[in-house]
Amino acid sequence: MIDKVRLAMLCMTRQCWEQGVAAQALLELGDMDAMGLMARDCVVRQNADGRLCDVENTPASVDPAFCVEAVLAAGRRMGDQAMIDAAMRNVDYLLRRAPSTPDGARYHMLGGAEVWADGLAVGPHTLMLAGYVEEGLAYYEAVKRRLCDPATGLYHHIWHEVKQGYSRPCHWGVGNGWALVGLMRMARILLDAGDARAAAIAGDFAALADAMLHFQGADGLFHDVLDDAGTFLESEVTEMFAYGIYRMVAMGLLDGRYLGYADRARRAVTQRVGDDGVLRGCSGSPTFDREGTSVEGQAHFIMMEVAARALAR
């Protein structure tokens, strides 16, 4: 099934973040040759300002950072300093030039003033991965202050800094999934560095997972908007939830009691993969506001499966 899902993913059209998350899936799968080829093309399309994988003059400011980890990994594996330097140019863009709020929440798109939950998947983690730990944590806290809903523990999707209000106030499932996997990646970096703050980030992960659990159905699935049962049952947030839990338990940062919820989610998503390897029921590309299919849904399936099998689930 992984082979079919992988092939379908590689045959789908990809924007910058989709190229990055697909390369990340191949990295975690251990498919280093294919990952290296994808990473190299991220560099081929690097913008002069440092943003990797600029497809059709993308207005995305944060999303190109999805490519950084794979490009760094490929450069180090091949001993290619030019690739490493390319990754660091994107880090430098995110660190110094990406438009942001005064306290460090980057605006997701150029020419606007919106902070998206999606950016938590990669923005703080990318800075921390490159050694800018304090800056990455400040980025996270700035987004959390704007988007985390104290009443539910969930994340709103989009905040507008100029208007001082929400452009999209809903608790979008995939947005919360991006926040969850971002917390997992931040915790991994801190844990590997022996930084005691890994425990605090793990606590935030558990708090978000607990908030999401209130809305997991008996079948294991979540709705597209977590607390709106009128929206469709969505695949990608379901697999992101399982993937994050498997990784956090494997790192010893999350209680094993969560594994049952992750297994239920994994079983539900697996039943949604067709014979052609395409995962149905995702927030669908290209607009992500209706049911369909997506590269990122394919990629998170692969990452979920790799993480589950590492725990012999």
Protein backbone atom coordinates (compact mmCIF):
# COMPACT_ATOMS: atom_id res chain seq x y z
CA MET A 1 0.00 0.00 0.00
CA ILE A 2 2.84 2.42 0.77
CA ASP A 3 4.26 1.84 -2.72
CA LYS A 4 0.92 2.68 -4.31
CA VAL A 5 0.43 5.77 -2.15
CA ARG A 6 3.99 6.91 -2.92
CA LEU A 7 3.50 6.52 -6.68
CA ALA A 8 0.20 8.39 -6.61
CA MET A 9 1.83 11.19 -4.60
CA LEU A 10 4.68 11.58 -7.09
CA CYS A 11 2.21 11.76 -9.98
CA MET A 12 0.28 14.68 -8.46
CA THR A 13 0.89 18.35 -9.30
CA ARG A 14 2.80 20.10 -6.53
CA GLN A 15 3.18 23.64 -5.22
CA CYS A 16 6.15 24.61 -3.01
CA TRP A 17 4.90 23.23 0.30
CA GLU A 18 3.57 20.10 -1.40
CA GLN A 19 7.01 19.41 -2.90
CA GLY A 20 8.50 19.89 0.56
CA VAL A 21 6.09 17.67 2.44
CA ALA A 22 6.39 14.97 -0.25
CA ALA A 23 10.20 15.09 0.04
CA GLN A 24 9.84 14.89 3.84
CA ALA A 25 7.72 11.75 3.45
CA LEU A 26 10.39 10.15 1.27
CA LEU A 27 13.05 11.15 3.81
CA GLU A 28 11.15 9.45 6.62
CA LEU A 29 10.47 6.45 4.40
CA GLY A 30 14.20 6.11 3.78
CA ASP A 31 13.80 6.54 0.01
CA MET A 32 16.91 8.68 -0.13
CA ASP A 33 17.51 8.62 -3.87
CA ALA A 34 14.05 9.93 -4.72
CA MET A 35 14.20 12.39 -1.83
CA GLY A 36 17.51 13.73 -3.13
CA LEU A 37 16.09 14.24 -6.60
CA MET A 38 13.11 16.13 -5.22
CA ALA A 39 15.34 18.23 -2.98
CA ARG A 40 17.61 19.11 -5.88
CA ASP A 41 14.68 20.46 -7.86
CA CYS A 42 13.64 22.60 -4.89
CA VAL A 43 17.01 24.29 -5.35
CA VAL A 44 16.62 24.56 -9.13
CA ARG A 45 13.53 26.69 -8.49
CA GLN A 46 14.97 28.77 -5.63
CA ASN A 47 13.93 32.43 -5.70
CA ALA A 48 16.63 35.09 -5.51
CA ASP A 49 15.30 36.07 -2.08
CA GLY A 50 16.08 32.58 -0.77
CA ARG A 51 12.68 30.89 -0.88
CA LEU A 52 13.00 27.34 -2.19
CA CYS A 53 10.79 25.79 -4.88
CA ASP A 54 9.28 28.98 -6.25
CA VAL A 55 6.51 27.69 -8.52
CA GLU A 56 4.98 30.38 -10.76
CA ASN A 57 6.17 33.30 -8.61
CA THR A 58 4.42 32.00 -5.51
CA PRO A 59 3.21 34.62 -3.02
CA ALA A 60 3.87 32.13 -0.21
CA SER A 61 6.30 33.40 2.40
CA VAL A 62 6.35 30.59 4.98
CA ASP A 63 5.48 27.57 2.81
CA PRO A 64 8.85 27.28 0.99
CA ALA A 65 10.39 26.40 4.36
CA PHE A 66 8.69 23.01 4.05
CA CYS A 67 11.55 22.16 1.68
CA VAL A 68 14.42 23.04 4.02
CA GLU A 69 14.79 19.81 5.99
CA ALA A 70 14.89 17.60 2.91
CA VAL A 71 17.31 19.91 1.09
CA LEU A 72 19.62 19.99 4.13
CA ALA A 73 19.43 16.21 4.46
CA ALA A 74 20.15 15.66 0.77
CA GLY A 75 23.04 18.12 0.77
CA ARG A 76 24.66 16.48 3.79
CA ARG A 77 24.14 12.98 2.41
CA MET A 78 25.73 13.85 -0.93
CA GLY A 79 28.37 16.18 0.46
CA ASP A 80 26.91 18.95 -1.69
CA GLN A 81 27.71 22.28 -0.04
CA ALA A 82 25.72 24.18 -2.66
CA MET A 83 22.53 22.41 -1.55
CA ILE A 84 23.29 23.07 2.11
CA ASP A 85 23.89 26.74 1.31
CA ALA A 86 20.59 26.88 -0.60
CA ALA A 87 18.72 25.52 2.41
CA MET A 88 20.38 28.06 4.67
CA ARG A 89 19.39 30.91 2.32
CA ASN A 90 15.77 29.93 2.90
CA VAL A 91 16.42 29.82 6.64
CA ASP A 92 17.93 33.29 6.43
CA TYR A 93 14.88 34.54 4.54
CA LEU A 94 12.55 33.16 7.21
CA LEU A 95 14.74 34.51 9.99
CA ARG A 96 15.47 38.02 8.73
CA ARG A 97 13.34 38.96 5.73
CA ALA A 98 9.96 37.28 5.93
CA PRO A 99 7.31 39.86 6.89
CA SER A 100 6.15 39.36 10.46
CA THR A 101 4.47 40.78 13.53
CA PRO A 102 6.74 42.64 16.00
CA ASP A 103 6.92 39.56 18.25
CA GLY A 104 7.84 37.15 15.46
CA ALA A 105 4.75 35.53 13.97
CA ARG A 106 5.48 35.39 10.24
CA TYR A 107 2.81 36.44 7.78
CA HIS A 108 1.91 33.45 5.71
CA MET A 109 1.57 35.21 2.36
CA LEU A 110 3.44 38.13 0.83
CA GLY A 111 1.49 41.35 0.60
CA GLY A 112 -0.80 40.48 3.49
CA ALA A 113 -0.89 40.51 7.27
CA GLU A 114 -2.32 37.08 8.04
CA VAL A 115 -0.93 34.53 10.48
CA TRP A 116 -1.99 30.96 9.61
CA ALA A 117 -1.99 27.85 11.79
CA ASP A 118 -0.38 26.06 8.83
CA GLY A 119 2.88 27.90 9.51
CA LEU A 120 3.31 26.09 12.84
CA ALA A 121 4.04 22.91 10.91
CA VAL A 122 7.34 24.21 9.60
CA GLY A 123 8.20 27.79 10.57
CA PRO A 124 9.40 27.37 14.18
CA HIS A 125 10.83 23.93 13.45
CA THR A 126 12.88 25.18 10.49
CA LEU A 127 14.52 27.93 12.54
CA MET A 128 15.25 25.49 15.38
CA LEU A 129 16.63 22.88 12.98
CA ALA A 130 19.13 25.48 11.73
CA GLY A 131 20.23 26.33 15.27
CA TYR A 132 17.97 29.33 15.92
CA VAL A 133 16.18 27.75 18.86
CA GLU A 134 15.15 30.90 20.72
CA GLU A 135 13.85 32.51 17.55
CA GLY A 136 11.87 29.38 16.68
CA LEU A 137 10.29 29.21 20.11
CA ALA A 138 9.43 32.93 19.98
CA TYR A 139 7.78 32.35 16.57
CA TYR A 140 5.69 29.54 18.05
CA GLU A 141 4.60 31.55 21.08
CA ALA A 142 3.63 34.52 18.90
CA VAL A 143 1.38 32.33 16.74
CA LYS A 144 -0.04 30.56 19.78
CA ARG A 145 -1.05 33.88 21.35
CA ARG A 146 -3.07 34.78 18.28
CA LEU A 147 -4.59 31.48 17.23
CA CYS A 148 -4.96 29.18 20.24
CA ASP A 149 -8.53 29.32 21.54
CA PRO A 150 -8.50 29.16 25.36
CA ALA A 151 -12.12 28.02 25.42
CA THR A 152 -11.48 24.83 23.44
CA GLY A 153 -7.71 24.37 23.34
CA LEU A 154 -7.96 24.21 19.54
CA TYR A 155 -6.37 26.56 17.00
CA HIS A 156 -8.33 29.02 14.92
CA HIS A 157 -7.16 28.97 11.32
CA ILE A 158 -6.22 32.54 10.28
CA TRP A 159 -5.63 35.78 12.21
CA HIS A 160 -5.39 39.20 10.53
CA GLU A 161 -2.89 41.39 12.35
CA VAL A 162 -3.96 44.73 10.90
CA LYS A 163 -7.66 44.14 11.47
CA GLN A 164 -6.95 42.52 14.86
CA GLY A 165 -9.46 39.80 14.17
CA TYR A 166 -9.86 36.42 12.52
CA SER A 167 -9.98 36.10 8.74
CA ARG A 168 -11.02 32.49 9.27
CA PRO A 169 -12.01 31.80 12.86
CA CYS A 170 -13.02 28.15 12.45
CA HIS A 171 -11.12 25.30 14.08
CA TRP A 172 -10.01 23.78 10.76
CA GLY A 173 -8.93 20.18 11.17
CA VAL A 174 -5.87 20.30 8.94
CA GLY A 175 -4.77 23.59 10.53
CA ASN A 176 -4.83 21.89 13.94
CA GLY A 177 -3.04 18.92 12.41
CA TRP A 178 -0.28 21.23 11.13
CA ALA A 179 0.07 22.67 14.63
CA LEU A 180 0.23 19.19 16.15
CA VAL A 181 2.96 17.85 13.86
CA GLY A 182 4.87 21.12 14.23
CA LEU A 183 4.91 20.66 18.01
CA MET A 184 6.17 17.11 17.51
CA ARG A 185 9.05 18.32 15.34
CA MET A 186 9.94 21.09 17.78
CA ALA A 187 9.95 18.58 20.65
CA ARG A 188 12.23 16.26 18.66
CA ILE A 189 14.81 18.98 18.11
CA LEU A 190 14.79 20.01 21.77
CA LEU A 191 14.98 16.39 22.93
CA ASP A 192 17.91 15.61 20.63
CA ALA A 193 19.71 18.69 21.99
CA GLY A 194 19.11 17.67 25.59
CA ASP A 195 17.05 20.83 26.10
CA ALA A 196 14.68 20.50 29.08
CA ARG A 197 12.09 22.61 27.26
CA ALA A 198 11.17 19.51 25.27
CA ALA A 199 8.88 18.60 28.16
CA ALA A 200 6.97 21.89 27.92
CA ILE A 201 6.46 21.49 24.18
CA ALA A 202 5.36 17.89 24.80
CA GLY A 203 2.83 19.27 27.27
CA ASP A 204 1.46 21.60 24.61
CA PHE A 205 1.27 18.67 22.21
CA ALA A 206 -0.70 16.61 24.73
CA ALA A 207 -3.03 19.54 25.44
CA LEU A 208 -3.81 19.97 21.75
CA ALA A 209 -4.24 16.21 21.24
CA ASP A 210 -6.64 16.12 24.19
CA ALA A 211 -8.63 19.02 22.75
CA MET A 212 -8.87 17.25 19.41
CA LEU A 213 -9.91 13.97 21.05
CA HIS A 214 -13.22 15.54 22.08
CA PHE A 215 -14.09 15.53 18.38
CA GLN A 216 -12.78 12.13 17.23
CA GLY A 217 -15.66 9.96 16.08
CA ALA A 218 -16.17 6.35 17.09
CA ASP A 219 -14.92 5.41 13.61
CA GLY A 220 -11.62 7.23 14.28
CA LEU A 221 -12.21 10.13 11.89
CA PHE A 222 -12.39 13.89 12.46
CA HIS A 223 -14.56 16.43 10.66
CA ASP A 224 -13.03 18.99 8.30
CA VAL A 225 -13.90 21.65 10.87
CA LEU A 226 -13.31 19.77 14.08
CA ASP A 227 -16.29 21.06 16.04
CA ASP A 228 -18.72 21.27 13.10
CA ALA A 229 -20.41 17.94 12.48
CA GLY A 230 -21.98 19.42 9.35
CA THR A 231 -18.62 19.33 7.56
CA PHE A 232 -17.29 16.22 5.85
CA LEU A 233 -15.20 13.55 7.55
CA GLU A 234 -11.63 14.45 6.65
CA SER A 235 -8.68 12.10 6.11
CA GLU A 236 -5.57 14.25 6.46
CA VAL A 237 -6.15 15.60 9.96
CA THR A 238 -6.93 12.03 11.02
CA GLU A 239 -3.58 10.72 9.80
CA MET A 240 -1.68 13.77 11.10
CA PHE A 241 -3.17 13.05 14.53
CA ALA A 242 -2.03 9.42 14.39
CA TYR A 243 1.40 10.28 12.99
CA GLY A 244 2.12 12.86 15.67
CA ILE A 245 1.10 10.51 18.46
CA TYR A 246 3.21 7.63 17.15
CA ARG A 247 6.28 9.87 16.94
CA MET A 248 5.79 11.42 20.38
CA VAL A 249 5.28 8.04 22.06
CA ALA A 250 8.38 6.68 20.32
CA MET A 251 10.39 9.62 21.71
CA GLY A 252 9.12 8.91 25.21
CA LEU A 253 7.38 12.28 25.35
CA LEU A 254 3.76 11.07 25.37
CA ASP A 255 1.91 8.48 27.41
CA GLY A 256 1.19 5.22 25.60
CA ARG A 257 -2.51 5.50 26.42
CA TYR A 258 -2.85 7.69 23.31
CA LEU A 259 -1.87 4.83 21.03
CA GLY A 260 -5.36 3.36 20.95
CA TYR A 261 -6.75 6.62 19.58
CA ALA A 262 -3.97 6.77 16.98
CA ASP A 263 -4.60 3.16 15.94
CA ARG A 264 -8.31 3.89 15.49
CA ALA A 265 -7.46 6.88 13.29
CA ARG A 266 -4.97 4.87 11.28
CA ARG A 267 -7.46 2.08 10.60
CA ALA A 268 -10.06 4.56 9.41
CA VAL A 269 -7.69 6.33 7.02
CA THR A 270 -6.30 3.08 5.61
CA GLN A 271 -9.80 2.11 4.51
CA ARG A 272 -9.94 5.29 2.44
CA VAL A 273 -7.00 4.41 0.18
CA GLY A 274 -8.17 3.15 -3.20
CA ASP A 275 -6.63 0.41 -5.34
CA ASP A 276 -4.89 3.21 -7.26
CA GLY A 277 -3.09 4.39 -4.11
CA VAL A 278 -5.07 7.64 -3.90
CA LEU A 279 -6.34 8.67 -0.47
CA ARG A 280 -9.87 10.04 -0.64
CA GLY A 281 -11.68 12.35 1.73
CA CYS A 282 -8.97 15.00 2.14
CA SER A 283 -9.40 18.75 2.18
CA GLY A 284 -8.86 18.81 -1.53
CA SER A 285 -6.23 20.53 -3.64
CA PRO A 286 -6.01 23.19 -4.93
CA THR A 287 -8.34 25.25 -2.71
CA PHE A 288 -8.54 22.92 0.33
CA ASP A 289 -12.09 24.03 1.12
CA ARG A 290 -13.94 20.96 -0.16
CA GLU A 291 -13.56 17.19 -0.14
CA GLY A 292 -10.99 15.78 -2.55
CA THR A 293 -7.40 14.56 -2.77
CA SER A 294 -4.03 16.16 -2.05
CA VAL A 295 -0.29 15.60 -2.15
CA GLU A 296 -0.04 16.40 1.54
CA GLY A 297 -2.69 13.78 2.34
CA GLN A 298 -0.63 11.19 0.46
CA ALA A 299 2.55 12.29 2.22
CA HIS A 300 1.07 12.14 5.70
CA PHE A 301 -0.20 8.63 5.01
CA ILE A 302 3.37 7.54 4.30
CA MET A 303 4.73 9.29 7.39
CA MET A 304 1.96 7.81 9.54
CA GLU A 305 2.73 4.29 8.29
CA VAL A 306 6.48 4.65 8.85
CA ALA A 307 5.89 5.93 12.38
CA ALA A 308 3.37 3.19 13.18
CA ARG A 309 5.62 0.42 11.92
CA ALA A 310 8.54 1.77 13.95
CA LEU A 311 6.38 1.03 17.00
CA ALA A 312 5.34 -2.36 15.54
CA ARG A 313 1.70 -1.24 15.42
